[in-house]
ModelCIF file with pLDDT and N, C-alpha, C, O atoms, coordinates in Angstrom:
data_MODEL
#
_entry.id   MODEL 
#
_entity.id                         1 
_entity.type                       polymer 
_entity.pdbx_number_of_molecules   1 
#
_entity_poly.entity_id                      1 
_entity_poly.type                           'polypeptide(L)' 
_entity_poly.nstd_linkage                   no 
_entity_poly.nstd_monomer                   no 
_entity_poly.pdbx_seq_one_letter_code       YQFSPKPNTPFVMDEDTLTPLIRVRLSDISPELGNKLLAATKDDLSSN 
_entity_poly.pdbx_seq_one_letter_code_can   YQFSPKPNTPFVMDEDTLTPLIRVRLSDISPELGNKLLAATKDDLSSN 
_entity_poly.pdbx_strand_id                 A 
#
loop_
_entity_poly_seq.entity_id 
_entity_poly_seq.num 
_entity_poly_seq.mon_id 
_entity_poly_seq.hetero 
1 1  TYR n 
1 2  GLN n 
1 3  PHE n 
1 4  SER n 
1 5  PRO n 
1 6  LYS n 
1 7  PRO n 
1 8  ASN n 
1 9  THR n 
1 10 PRO n 
1 11 PHE n 
1 12 VAL n 
1 13 MET n 
1 14 ASP n 
1 15 GLU n 
1 16 ASP n 
1 17 THR n 
1 18 LEU n 
1 19 THR n 
1 20 PRO n 
1 21 LEU n 
1 22 ILE n 
1 23 ARG n 
1 24 VAL n 
1 25 ARG n 
1 26 LEU n 
1 27 SER n 
1 28 ASP n 
1 29 ILE n 
1 30 SER n 
1 31 PRO n 
1 32 GLU n 
1 33 LEU n 
1 34 GLY n 
1 35 ASN n 
1 36 LYS n 
1 37 LEU n 
1 38 LEU n 
1 39 ALA n 
1 40 ALA n 
1 41 THR n 
1 42 LYS n 
1 43 ASP n 
1 44 ASP n 
1 45 LEU n 
1 46 SER n 
1 47 SER n 
1 48 ASN n 
#
_struct_asym.id          A 
_struct_asym.entity_id   1 
#
loop_
_ma_qa_metric.id 
_ma_qa_metric.mode 
_ma_qa_metric.name 
_ma_qa_metric.software_group_id 
_ma_qa_metric.type 
1 global pLDDT . pLDDT 
2 local  pLDDT . pLDDT 
#
_ma_qa_metric_global.metric_id      1 
_ma_qa_metric_global.metric_value   95.94 
_ma_qa_metric_global.model_id       1 
_ma_qa_metric_global.ordinal_id     1 
#
loop_
_ma_qa_metric_local.label_asym_id 
_ma_qa_metric_local.label_comp_id 
_ma_qa_metric_local.label_seq_id 
_ma_qa_metric_local.metric_id 
_ma_qa_metric_local.metric_value 
_ma_qa_metric_local.model_id 
_ma_qa_metric_local.ordinal_id 
A TYR 1  2 98.00 1 1  
A GLN 2  2 98.00 1 2  
A PHE 3  2 97.00 1 3  
A SER 4  2 97.00 1 4  
A PRO 5  2 97.00 1 5  
A LYS 6  2 97.00 1 6  
A PRO 7  2 97.00 1 7  
A ASN 8  2 96.00 1 8  
A THR 9  2 97.00 1 9  
A PRO 10 2 96.00 1 10 
A PHE 11 2 96.00 1 11 
A VAL 12 2 94.00 1 12 
A MET 13 2 90.00 1 13 
A ASP 14 2 85.00 1 14 
A GLU 15 2 83.00 1 15 
A ASP 16 2 89.00 1 16 
A THR 17 2 94.00 1 17 
A LEU 18 2 94.00 1 18 
A THR 19 2 96.00 1 19 
A PRO 20 2 97.00 1 20 
A LEU 21 2 97.00 1 21 
A ILE 22 2 98.00 1 22 
A ARG 23 2 97.00 1 23 
A VAL 24 2 98.00 1 24 
A ARG 25 2 98.00 1 25 
A LEU 26 2 98.00 1 26 
A SER 27 2 98.00 1 27 
A ASP 28 2 97.00 1 28 
A ILE 29 2 98.00 1 29 
A SER 30 2 98.00 1 30 
A PRO 31 2 98.00 1 31 
A GLU 32 2 98.00 1 32 
A LEU 33 2 98.00 1 33 
A GLY 34 2 98.00 1 34 
A ASN 35 2 98.00 1 35 
A LYS 36 2 98.00 1 36 
A LEU 37 2 98.00 1 37 
A LEU 38 2 98.00 1 38 
A ALA 39 2 97.00 1 39 
A ALA 40 2 97.00 1 40 
A THR 41 2 95.00 1 41 
A LYS 42 2 94.00 1 42 
A ASP 43 2 95.00 1 43 
A ASP 44 2 96.00 1 44 
A LEU 45 2 96.00 1 45 
A SER 46 2 95.00 1 46 
A SER 47 2 95.00 1 47 
A ASN 48 2 96.00 1 48 
#
loop_
_atom_site.group_PDB 
_atom_site.id 
_atom_site.type_symbol 
_atom_site.label_atom_id 
_atom_site.label_alt_id 
_atom_site.label_comp_id 
_atom_site.label_asym_id 
_atom_site.label_entity_id 
_atom_site.label_seq_id 
_atom_site.pdbx_PDB_ins_code 
_atom_site.Cartn_x 
_atom_site.Cartn_y 
_atom_site.Cartn_z 
_atom_site.occupancy 
_atom_site.B_iso_or_equiv 
_atom_site.pdbx_formal_charge 
_atom_site.auth_seq_id 
_atom_site.auth_comp_id 
_atom_site.auth_asym_id 
_atom_site.auth_atom_id 
_atom_site.pdbx_PDB_model_num 
ATOM 1   N N  . TYR A 1 1  ? 0.844   -1.192  0.000  1.00 98.00 ? 1  TYR A N  1 
ATOM 2   C CA . TYR A 1 1  ? 0.000   0.000   0.000  1.00 98.00 ? 1  TYR A CA 1 
ATOM 3   C C  . TYR A 1 1  ? 0.883   1.247   0.000  1.00 98.00 ? 1  TYR A C  1 
ATOM 4   O O  . TYR A 1 1  ? 1.680   1.443   0.917  1.00 98.00 ? 1  TYR A O  1 
ATOM 5   N N  . GLN A 1 2  ? 0.744   2.084   -1.017 1.00 98.00 ? 2  GLN A N  1 
ATOM 6   C CA . GLN A 1 2  ? 1.527   3.310   -1.124 1.00 98.00 ? 2  GLN A CA 1 
ATOM 7   C C  . GLN A 1 2  ? 0.662   4.512   -0.762 1.00 98.00 ? 2  GLN A C  1 
ATOM 8   O O  . GLN A 1 2  ? -0.467  4.648   -1.233 1.00 98.00 ? 2  GLN A O  1 
ATOM 9   N N  . PHE A 1 3  ? 1.209   5.374   0.077  1.00 97.00 ? 3  PHE A N  1 
ATOM 10  C CA . PHE A 1 3  ? 0.427   6.519   0.538  1.00 97.00 ? 3  PHE A CA 1 
ATOM 11  C C  . PHE A 1 3  ? 1.359   7.567   1.137  1.00 97.00 ? 3  PHE A C  1 
ATOM 12  O O  . PHE A 1 3  ? 2.505   7.280   1.483  1.00 97.00 ? 3  PHE A O  1 
ATOM 13  N N  . SER A 1 4  ? 0.840   8.785   1.252  1.00 97.00 ? 4  SER A N  1 
ATOM 14  C CA . SER A 1 4  ? 1.502   9.848   2.005  1.00 97.00 ? 4  SER A CA 1 
ATOM 15  C C  . SER A 1 4  ? 0.784   9.975   3.344  1.00 97.00 ? 4  SER A C  1 
ATOM 16  O O  . SER A 1 4  ? -0.424  10.210  3.363  1.00 97.00 ? 4  SER A O  1 
ATOM 17  N N  . PRO A 1 5  ? 1.478   9.829   4.444  1.00 97.00 ? 5  PRO A N  1 
ATOM 18  C CA . PRO A 1 5  ? 0.813   9.892   5.756  1.00 97.00 ? 5  PRO A CA 1 
ATOM 19  C C  . PRO A 1 5  ? 0.099   11.222  5.953  1.00 97.00 ? 5  PRO A C  1 
ATOM 20  O O  . PRO A 1 5  ? 0.598   12.273  5.551  1.00 97.00 ? 5  PRO A O  1 
ATOM 21  N N  . LYS A 1 6  ? -1.067  11.164  6.573  1.00 97.00 ? 6  LYS A N  1 
ATOM 22  C CA . LYS A 1 6  ? -1.842  12.362  6.886  1.00 97.00 ? 6  LYS A CA 1 
ATOM 23  C C  . LYS A 1 6  ? -2.264  12.298  8.354  1.00 97.00 ? 6  LYS A C  1 
ATOM 24  O O  . LYS A 1 6  ? -3.443  12.113  8.659  1.00 97.00 ? 6  LYS A O  1 
ATOM 25  N N  . PRO A 1 7  ? -1.306  12.449  9.248  1.00 97.00 ? 7  PRO A N  1 
ATOM 26  C CA . PRO A 1 7  ? -1.592  12.269  10.675 1.00 97.00 ? 7  PRO A CA 1 
ATOM 27  C C  . PRO A 1 7  ? -2.430  13.371  11.293 1.00 97.00 ? 7  PRO A C  1 
ATOM 28  O O  . PRO A 1 7  ? -2.903  13.229  12.421 1.00 97.00 ? 7  PRO A O  1 
ATOM 29  N N  . ASN A 1 8  ? -2.620  14.469  10.573 1.00 96.00 ? 8  ASN A N  1 
ATOM 30  C CA . ASN A 1 8  ? -3.420  15.578  11.118 1.00 96.00 ? 8  ASN A CA 1 
ATOM 31  C C  . ASN A 1 8  ? -4.735  15.788  10.379 1.00 96.00 ? 8  ASN A C  1 
ATOM 32  O O  . ASN A 1 8  ? -5.452  16.752  10.647 1.00 96.00 ? 8  ASN A O  1 
ATOM 33  N N  . THR A 1 9  ? -5.052  14.897  9.455  1.00 97.00 ? 9  THR A N  1 
ATOM 34  C CA . THR A 1 9  ? -6.256  15.051  8.646  1.00 97.00 ? 9  THR A CA 1 
ATOM 35  C C  . THR A 1 9  ? -7.321  14.052  9.071  1.00 97.00 ? 9  THR A C  1 
ATOM 36  O O  . THR A 1 9  ? -7.081  12.846  9.007  1.00 97.00 ? 9  THR A O  1 
ATOM 37  N N  . PRO A 1 10 ? -8.502  14.519  9.508  1.00 96.00 ? 10 PRO A N  1 
ATOM 38  C CA . PRO A 1 10 ? -9.582  13.581  9.869  1.00 96.00 ? 10 PRO A CA 1 
ATOM 39  C C  . PRO A 1 10 ? -9.932  12.677  8.696  1.00 96.00 ? 10 PRO A C  1 
ATOM 40  O O  . PRO A 1 10 ? -9.891  13.092  7.538  1.00 96.00 ? 10 PRO A O  1 
ATOM 41  N N  . PHE A 1 11 ? -10.274 11.441  9.016  1.00 96.00 ? 11 PHE A N  1 
ATOM 42  C CA . PHE A 1 11 ? -10.614 10.468  7.979  1.00 96.00 ? 11 PHE A CA 1 
ATOM 43  C C  . PHE A 1 11 ? -12.125 10.442  7.791  1.00 96.00 ? 11 PHE A C  1 
ATOM 44  O O  . PHE A 1 11 ? -12.872 10.287  8.757  1.00 96.00 ? 11 PHE A O  1 
ATOM 45  N N  . VAL A 1 12 ? -12.572 10.591  6.557  1.00 94.00 ? 12 VAL A N  1 
ATOM 46  C CA . VAL A 1 12 ? -14.000 10.583  6.251  1.00 94.00 ? 12 VAL A CA 1 
ATOM 47  C C  . VAL A 1 12 ? -14.363 9.235   5.644  1.00 94.00 ? 12 VAL A C  1 
ATOM 48  O O  . VAL A 1 12 ? -13.794 8.833   4.628  1.00 94.00 ? 12 VAL A O  1 
ATOM 49  N N  . MET A 1 13 ? -15.314 8.533   6.268  1.00 90.00 ? 13 MET A N  1 
ATOM 50  C CA . MET A 1 13 ? -15.782 7.251   5.768  1.00 90.00 ? 13 MET A CA 1 
ATOM 51  C C  . MET A 1 13 ? -17.303 7.270   5.730  1.00 90.00 ? 13 MET A C  1 
ATOM 52  O O  . MET A 1 13 ? -17.960 7.453   6.754  1.00 90.00 ? 13 MET A O  1 
ATOM 53  N N  . ASP A 1 14 ? -17.846 7.079   4.549  1.00 85.00 ? 14 ASP A N  1 
ATOM 54  C CA . ASP A 1 14 ? -19.290 7.228   4.337  1.00 85.00 ? 14 ASP A CA 1 
ATOM 55  C C  . ASP A 1 14 ? -19.678 8.647   4.764  1.00 85.00 ? 14 ASP A C  1 
ATOM 56  O O  . ASP A 1 14 ? -19.193 9.617   4.182  1.00 85.00 ? 14 ASP A O  1 
ATOM 57  N N  . GLU A 1 15 ? -20.534 8.778   5.757  1.00 83.00 ? 15 GLU A N  1 
ATOM 58  C CA . GLU A 1 15 ? -20.931 10.107  6.217  1.00 83.00 ? 15 GLU A CA 1 
ATOM 59  C C  . GLU A 1 15 ? -20.314 10.454  7.571  1.00 83.00 ? 15 GLU A C  1 
ATOM 60  O O  . GLU A 1 15 ? -20.681 11.450  8.195  1.00 83.00 ? 15 GLU A O  1 
ATOM 61  N N  . ASP A 1 16 ? -19.378 9.628   8.014  1.00 89.00 ? 16 ASP A N  1 
ATOM 62  C CA . ASP A 1 16 ? -18.756 9.843   9.322  1.00 89.00 ? 16 ASP A CA 1 
ATOM 63  C C  . ASP A 1 16 ? -17.380 10.476  9.159  1.00 89.00 ? 16 ASP A C  1 
ATOM 64  O O  . ASP A 1 16 ? -16.625 10.123  8.253  1.00 89.00 ? 16 ASP A O  1 
ATOM 65  N N  . THR A 1 17 ? -17.066 11.414  10.045 1.00 94.00 ? 17 THR A N  1 
ATOM 66  C CA . THR A 1 17 ? -15.732 12.001  10.108 1.00 94.00 ? 17 THR A CA 1 
ATOM 67  C C  . THR A 1 17 ? -15.033 11.430  11.332 1.00 94.00 ? 17 THR A C  1 
ATOM 68  O O  . THR A 1 17 ? -15.463 11.650  12.464 1.00 94.00 ? 17 THR A O  1 
ATOM 69  N N  . LEU A 1 18 ? -13.957 10.699  11.096 1.00 94.00 ? 18 LEU A N  1 
ATOM 70  C CA . LEU A 1 18 ? -13.256 9.988   12.159 1.00 94.00 ? 18 LEU A CA 1 
ATOM 71  C C  . LEU A 1 18 ? -11.914 10.656  12.457 1.00 94.00 ? 18 LEU A C  1 
ATOM 72  O O  . LEU A 1 18 ? -11.449 11.515  11.708 1.00 94.00 ? 18 LEU A O  1 
ATOM 73  N N  . THR A 1 19 ? -11.315 10.247  13.547 1.00 96.00 ? 19 THR A N  1 
ATOM 74  C CA . THR A 1 19 ? -9.975  10.711  13.883 1.00 96.00 ? 19 THR A CA 1 
ATOM 75  C C  . THR A 1 19 ? -9.009  10.304  12.773 1.00 96.00 ? 19 THR A C  1 
ATOM 76  O O  . THR A 1 19 ? -9.306  9.359   12.042 1.00 96.00 ? 19 THR A O  1 
ATOM 77  N N  . PRO A 1 20 ? -7.854  10.982  12.612 1.00 97.00 ? 20 PRO A N  1 
ATOM 78  C CA . PRO A 1 20 ? -6.915  10.604  11.544 1.00 97.00 ? 20 PRO A CA 1 
ATOM 79  C C  . PRO A 1 20 ? -6.508  9.136   11.628 1.00 97.00 ? 20 PRO A C  1 
ATOM 80  O O  . PRO A 1 20 ? -6.084  8.658   12.680 1.00 97.00 ? 20 PRO A O  1 
ATOM 81  N N  . LEU A 1 21 ? -6.641  8.430   10.512 1.00 97.00 ? 21 LEU A N  1 
ATOM 82  C CA . LEU A 1 21 ? -6.312  7.004   10.464 1.00 97.00 ? 21 LEU A CA 1 
ATOM 83  C C  . LEU A 1 21 ? -6.069  6.586   9.022  1.00 97.00 ? 21 LEU A C  1 
ATOM 84  O O  . LEU A 1 21 ? -6.316  7.345   8.086  1.00 97.00 ? 21 LEU A O  1 
ATOM 85  N N  . ILE A 1 22 ? -5.577  5.358   8.864  1.00 98.00 ? 22 ILE A N  1 
ATOM 86  C CA . ILE A 1 22 ? -5.463  4.780   7.521  1.00 98.00 ? 22 ILE A CA 1 
ATOM 87  C C  . ILE A 1 22 ? -6.213  3.453   7.499  1.00 98.00 ? 22 ILE A C  1 
ATOM 88  O O  . ILE A 1 22 ? -6.326  2.767   8.515  1.00 98.00 ? 22 ILE A O  1 
ATOM 89  N N  . ARG A 1 23 ? -6.724  3.106   6.317  1.00 97.00 ? 23 ARG A N  1 
ATOM 90  C CA . ARG A 1 23 ? -7.398  1.824   6.095  1.00 97.00 ? 23 ARG A CA 1 
ATOM 91  C C  . ARG A 1 23 ? -6.698  1.135   4.923  1.00 97.00 ? 23 ARG A C  1 
ATOM 92  O O  . ARG A 1 23 ? -6.564  1.701   3.839  1.00 97.00 ? 23 ARG A O  1 
ATOM 93  N N  . VAL A 1 24 ? -6.260  -0.093  5.166  1.00 98.00 ? 24 VAL A N  1 
ATOM 94  C CA . VAL A 1 24 ? -5.493  -0.844  4.172  1.00 98.00 ? 24 VAL A CA 1 
ATOM 95  C C  . VAL A 1 24 ? -6.204  -2.167  3.908  1.00 98.00 ? 24 VAL A C  1 
ATOM 96  O O  . VAL A 1 24 ? -6.446  -2.939  4.836  1.00 98.00 ? 24 VAL A O  1 
ATOM 97  N N  . ARG A 1 25 ? -6.542  -2.433  2.642  1.00 98.00 ? 25 ARG A N  1 
ATOM 98  C CA . ARG A 1 25 ? -7.192  -3.696  2.277  1.00 98.00 ? 25 ARG A CA 1 
ATOM 99  C C  . ARG A 1 25 ? -6.138  -4.803  2.215  1.00 98.00 ? 25 ARG A C  1 
ATOM 100 O O  . ARG A 1 25 ? -5.128  -4.672  1.523  1.00 98.00 ? 25 ARG A O  1 
ATOM 101 N N  . LEU A 1 26 ? -6.384  -5.880  2.937  1.00 98.00 ? 26 LEU A N  1 
ATOM 102 C CA . LEU A 1 26 ? -5.450  -7.003  3.005  1.00 98.00 ? 26 LEU A CA 1 
ATOM 103 C C  . LEU A 1 26 ? -5.938  -8.208  2.212  1.00 98.00 ? 26 LEU A C  1 
ATOM 104 O O  . LEU A 1 26 ? -5.432  -9.316  2.389  1.00 98.00 ? 26 LEU A O  1 
ATOM 105 N N  . SER A 1 27 ? -6.904  -8.001  1.351  1.00 98.00 ? 27 SER A N  1 
ATOM 106 C CA . SER A 1 27 ? -7.470  -9.113  0.582  1.00 98.00 ? 27 SER A CA 1 
ATOM 107 C C  . SER A 1 27 ? -7.374  -8.925  -0.923 1.00 98.00 ? 27 SER A C  1 
ATOM 108 O O  . SER A 1 27 ? -7.756  -9.821  -1.676 1.00 98.00 ? 27 SER A O  1 
ATOM 109 N N  . ASP A 1 28 ? -6.871  -7.781  -1.383 1.00 97.00 ? 28 ASP A N  1 
ATOM 110 C CA . ASP A 1 28 ? -6.819  -7.537  -2.818 1.00 97.00 ? 28 ASP A CA 1 
ATOM 111 C C  . ASP A 1 28 ? -5.713  -8.355  -3.495 1.00 97.00 ? 28 ASP A C  1 
ATOM 112 O O  . ASP A 1 28 ? -5.913  -8.898  -4.582 1.00 97.00 ? 28 ASP A O  1 
ATOM 113 N N  . ILE A 1 29 ? -4.568  -8.436  -2.857 1.00 98.00 ? 29 ILE A N  1 
ATOM 114 C CA . ILE A 1 29 ? -3.448  -9.180  -3.442 1.00 98.00 ? 29 ILE A CA 1 
ATOM 115 C C  . ILE A 1 29 ? -3.675  -10.680 -3.324 1.00 98.00 ? 29 ILE A C  1 
ATOM 116 O O  . ILE A 1 29 ? -3.428  -11.435 -4.265 1.00 98.00 ? 29 ILE A O  1 
ATOM 117 N N  . SER A 1 30 ? -4.147  -11.098 -2.160 1.00 98.00 ? 30 SER A N  1 
ATOM 118 C CA . SER A 1 30 ? -4.408  -12.521 -1.927 1.00 98.00 ? 30 SER A CA 1 
ATOM 119 C C  . SER A 1 30 ? -5.498  -12.656 -0.869 1.00 98.00 ? 30 SER A C  1 
ATOM 120 O O  . SER A 1 30 ? -5.506  -11.910 0.111  1.00 98.00 ? 30 SER A O  1 
ATOM 121 N N  . PRO A 1 31 ? -6.434  -13.616 -1.060 1.00 98.00 ? 31 PRO A N  1 
ATOM 122 C CA . PRO A 1 31 ? -7.474  -13.835 -0.052 1.00 98.00 ? 31 PRO A CA 1 
ATOM 123 C C  . PRO A 1 31 ? -7.016  -14.771 1.068  1.00 98.00 ? 31 PRO A C  1 
ATOM 124 O O  . PRO A 1 31 ? -7.794  -15.097 1.965  1.00 98.00 ? 31 PRO A O  1 
ATOM 125 N N  . GLU A 1 32 ? -5.761  -15.199 1.015  1.00 98.00 ? 32 GLU A N  1 
ATOM 126 C CA . GLU A 1 32 ? -5.260  -16.229 1.929  1.00 98.00 ? 32 GLU A CA 1 
ATOM 127 C C  . GLU A 1 32 ? -5.459  -15.864 3.399  1.00 98.00 ? 32 GLU A C  1 
ATOM 128 O O  . GLU A 1 32 ? -5.906  -16.696 4.188  1.00 98.00 ? 32 GLU A O  1 
ATOM 129 N N  . LEU A 1 33 ? -5.134  -14.637 3.767  1.00 98.00 ? 33 LEU A N  1 
ATOM 130 C CA . LEU A 1 33 ? -5.225  -14.237 5.169  1.00 98.00 ? 33 LEU A CA 1 
ATOM 131 C C  . LEU A 1 33 ? -6.674  -14.206 5.632  1.00 98.00 ? 33 LEU A C  1 
ATOM 132 O O  . LEU A 1 33 ? -6.996  -14.720 6.703  1.00 98.00 ? 33 LEU A O  1 
ATOM 133 N N  . GLY A 1 34 ? -7.546  -13.608 4.831  1.00 98.00 ? 34 GLY A N  1 
ATOM 134 C CA . GLY A 1 34 ? -8.952  -13.559 5.185  1.00 98.00 ? 34 GLY A CA 1 
ATOM 135 C C  . GLY A 1 34 ? -9.566  -14.945 5.271  1.00 98.00 ? 34 GLY A C  1 
ATOM 136 O O  . GLY A 1 34 ? -10.366 -15.215 6.166  1.00 98.00 ? 34 GLY A O  1 
ATOM 137 N N  . ASN A 1 35 ? -9.200  -15.823 4.350  1.00 98.00 ? 35 ASN A N  1 
ATOM 138 C CA . ASN A 1 35 ? -9.744  -17.179 4.365  1.00 98.00 ? 35 ASN A CA 1 
ATOM 139 C C  . ASN A 1 35 ? -9.264  -17.959 5.583  1.00 98.00 ? 35 ASN A C  1 
ATOM 140 O O  . ASN A 1 35 ? -9.996  -18.793 6.117  1.00 98.00 ? 35 ASN A O  1 
ATOM 141 N N  . LYS A 1 36 ? -8.043  -17.692 6.021  1.00 98.00 ? 36 LYS A N  1 
ATOM 142 C CA . LYS A 1 36 ? -7.564  -18.368 7.223  1.00 98.00 ? 36 LYS A CA 1 
ATOM 143 C C  . LYS A 1 36 ? -8.400  -17.953 8.427  1.00 98.00 ? 36 LYS A C  1 
ATOM 144 O O  . LYS A 1 36 ? -8.742  -18.795 9.257  1.00 98.00 ? 36 LYS A O  1 
ATOM 145 N N  . LEU A 1 37 ? -8.730  -16.685 8.534  1.00 98.00 ? 37 LEU A N  1 
ATOM 146 C CA . LEU A 1 37 ? -9.554  -16.228 9.655  1.00 98.00 ? 37 LEU A CA 1 
ATOM 147 C C  . LEU A 1 37 ? -10.954 -16.852 9.585  1.00 98.00 ? 37 LEU A C  1 
ATOM 148 O O  . LEU A 1 37 ? -11.503 -17.259 10.609 1.00 98.00 ? 37 LEU A O  1 
ATOM 149 N N  . LEU A 1 38 ? -11.524 -16.926 8.397  1.00 98.00 ? 38 LEU A N  1 
ATOM 150 C CA . LEU A 1 38 ? -12.858 -17.515 8.256  1.00 98.00 ? 38 LEU A CA 1 
ATOM 151 C C  . LEU A 1 38 ? -12.847 -19.020 8.524  1.00 98.00 ? 38 LEU A C  1 
ATOM 152 O O  . LEU A 1 38 ? -13.878 -19.600 8.863  1.00 98.00 ? 38 LEU A O  1 
ATOM 153 N N  . ALA A 1 39 ? -11.686 -19.648 8.371  1.00 97.00 ? 39 ALA A N  1 
ATOM 154 C CA . ALA A 1 39 ? -11.584 -21.094 8.580  1.00 97.00 ? 39 ALA A CA 1 
ATOM 155 C C  . ALA A 1 39 ? -11.408 -21.466 10.047 1.00 97.00 ? 39 ALA A C  1 
ATOM 156 O O  . ALA A 1 39 ? -11.347 -22.651 10.374 1.00 97.00 ? 39 ALA A O  1 
ATOM 157 N N  . ALA A 1 40 ? -11.325 -20.485 10.932 1.00 97.00 ? 40 ALA A N  1 
ATOM 158 C CA . ALA A 1 40 ? -11.175 -20.764 12.360 1.00 97.00 ? 40 ALA A CA 1 
ATOM 159 C C  . ALA A 1 40 ? -12.381 -21.563 12.871 1.00 97.00 ? 40 ALA A C  1 
ATOM 160 O O  . ALA A 1 40 ? -13.529 -21.227 12.582 1.00 97.00 ? 40 ALA A O  1 
ATOM 161 N N  . THR A 1 41 ? -12.103 -22.613 13.627 1.00 95.00 ? 41 THR A N  1 
ATOM 162 C CA . THR A 1 41 ? -13.176 -23.457 14.159 1.00 95.00 ? 41 THR A CA 1 
ATOM 163 C C  . THR A 1 41 ? -13.792 -22.819 15.403 1.00 95.00 ? 41 THR A C  1 
ATOM 164 O O  . THR A 1 41 ? -13.317 -21.799 15.902 1.00 95.00 ? 41 THR A O  1 
ATOM 165 N N  . LYS A 1 42 ? -14.867 -23.450 15.891 1.00 94.00 ? 42 LYS A N  1 
ATOM 166 C CA . LYS A 1 42 ? -15.484 -22.966 17.129 1.00 94.00 ? 42 LYS A CA 1 
ATOM 167 C C  . LYS A 1 42 ? -14.497 -23.026 18.288 1.00 94.00 ? 42 LYS A C  1 
ATOM 168 O O  . LYS A 1 42 ? -14.492 -22.152 19.154 1.00 94.00 ? 42 LYS A O  1 
ATOM 169 N N  . ASP A 1 43 ? -13.667 -24.056 18.299 1.00 95.00 ? 43 ASP A N  1 
ATOM 170 C CA . ASP A 1 43 ? -12.646 -24.148 19.356 1.00 95.00 ? 43 ASP A CA 1 
ATOM 171 C C  . ASP A 1 43 ? -11.639 -23.008 19.227 1.00 95.00 ? 43 ASP A C  1 
ATOM 172 O O  . ASP A 1 43 ? -11.234 -22.427 20.234 1.00 95.00 ? 43 ASP A O  1 
ATOM 173 N N  . ASP A 1 44 ? -11.231 -22.680 18.000 1.00 96.00 ? 44 ASP A N  1 
ATOM 174 C CA . ASP A 1 44 ? -10.282 -21.581 17.784 1.00 96.00 ? 44 ASP A CA 1 
ATOM 175 C C  . ASP A 1 44 ? -10.876 -20.244 18.224 1.00 96.00 ? 44 ASP A C  1 
ATOM 176 O O  . ASP A 1 44 ? -10.152 -19.342 18.646 1.00 96.00 ? 44 ASP A O  1 
ATOM 177 N N  . LEU A 1 45 ? -12.192 -20.128 18.123 1.00 96.00 ? 45 LEU A N  1 
ATOM 178 C CA . LEU A 1 45 ? -12.870 -18.862 18.451 1.00 96.00 ? 45 LEU A CA 1 
ATOM 179 C C  . LEU A 1 45 ? -13.478 -18.889 19.853 1.00 96.00 ? 45 LEU A C  1 
ATOM 180 O O  . LEU A 1 45 ? -14.239 -17.990 20.209 1.00 96.00 ? 45 LEU A O  1 
ATOM 181 N N  . SER A 1 46 ? -13.157 -19.896 20.645 1.00 95.00 ? 46 SER A N  1 
ATOM 182 C CA . SER A 1 46 ? -13.772 -20.041 21.966 1.00 95.00 ? 46 SER A CA 1 
ATOM 183 C C  . SER A 1 46 ? -13.225 -19.060 22.994 1.00 95.00 ? 46 SER A C  1 
ATOM 184 O O  . SER A 1 46 ? -13.911 -18.734 23.963 1.00 95.00 ? 46 SER A O  1 
ATOM 185 N N  . SER A 1 47 ? -12.006 -18.590 22.795 1.00 95.00 ? 47 SER A N  1 
ATOM 186 C CA . SER A 1 47 ? -11.391 -17.631 23.722 1.00 95.00 ? 47 SER A CA 1 
ATOM 187 C C  . SER A 1 47 ? -10.263 -16.911 22.994 1.00 95.00 ? 47 SER A C  1 
ATOM 188 O O  . SER A 1 47 ? -9.821  -17.345 21.931 1.00 95.00 ? 47 SER A O  1 
ATOM 189 N N  . ASN A 1 48 ? -9.801  -15.805 23.579 1.00 96.00 ? 48 ASN A N  1 
ATOM 190 C CA . ASN A 1 48 ? -8.700  -15.074 22.959 1.00 96.00 ? 48 ASN A CA 1 
ATOM 191 C C  . ASN A 1 48 ? -7.418  -15.887 22.954 1.00 96.00 ? 48 ASN A C  1 
ATOM 192 O O  . ASN A 1 48 ? -6.390  -15.418 22.467 1.00 96.00 ? 48 ASN A O  1 
#
C-alpha cells in the first residue's frame, strides 16, 4: 500500500468524520489471510 501519511487530517468514511487514520485492504493481493480467519473453528474462536 503506497500513501503519504496524513496524521493531522480527519478520515471521512461514508458520512462519518473519524480521527486521523489509515485503512489498508489485506485481501486484494491474496485472499489467503482472510480465508484463514474464516476457517477458524469454534474451538479456535472459543477464547482469545
